Amino acid sequence: MSRPVLALSPQPLYSQIREVLRAAILDGSYPPHAQVPSESELMAQHGVSRITVRQALADLQNEGLIFKVHGKGSFVSKPKAFQNVTRLQGFAEAMAPLGYETFSKVLALRTAVAPPKVSEAFGMAPKSRLTQLTRLRFLNREPISVDVSWFTLEVGERLAKADLASRDVFAVLENDLGIALGHADIQIEAALVDDAHYKHLKLEPGSPVMQIQRLTYSASGLPVDFEHLYFRGDSFQYRFQIDRASPAHAPARALSRLTKAKHAKKDSV
């Protein structure tokens, strides 16, 4: 038997099989609900053991790209992309390394009276006029979110000259406008799709969506971009990684707080 091509790579065999299948799923070779090759077929095709094939399929299932039906095999799931929010990234910036195709359709770019929450976020008087940008975002050519963003008029005027269909706003802000971005405050909650957006997202009226409010600041601490993102809940997810402080440090922190409290009491006497 000729040596399998996969064995020529330094990557583990299961990882290579996973990536081959993953690429075929993402480029549409295996569309949603299509059956992927069986374990036996993959074993014969790549000259590997059943354990290796099962590890590759398990990884794809954990990623949400396939699902298994007992007695029938593995099938392609409807793609559910994810974004890790431990890093501030634009949508296209986050999706490109994962192999997803993204683009946008500008639904509106106009000057409008900002809602009270938006004016307050920018530190401006109520009923201030700002630039409102509304985009329909696509993932693998399927609508995934409606993004409603607010900017100062100065920033909005310059954004209007950029290619907002193929570029992330973050990239335009940093590369074209020279605004270094610092951090963002994010709030995520479940909501019902707005009457103005459900048709764009191919949803029924009143369908649930994932609503994300994000206020992005420049590196100098000034608010730059206030936005509401409305994602299809069946196509996208945000992922977090959080750490728990070591319990061994807890007594030390408690003692430190107690010491500070005692000093404060003495100072007040």
Foldseek 3Di string as FASTA:
>chain_A
DDAFPLVVDPDPSLVVVLVVVLLCDQVVVADFFRFDDALVVVCVNRVDDSVSPVVSVVVCVVQVQWDADPPPHIGGHQAAAEAEQVDDDFPCRRCVVVPKDKWKDWPDWDKFQDCPVVCVLQVHDHRDIWIWTWIFMDINNATWKIKIKTFHNVLSVQVVVDDRGHDTPVCCCCPVVVFAWDDKDKDKDKDFDDPVPCVSNVHDHRDIWIWMWIFTATNVGGTGMTMIMTGHPSHYYYDYDDDDPDPVCVVVVVVVVVVVVVVVVVVVD
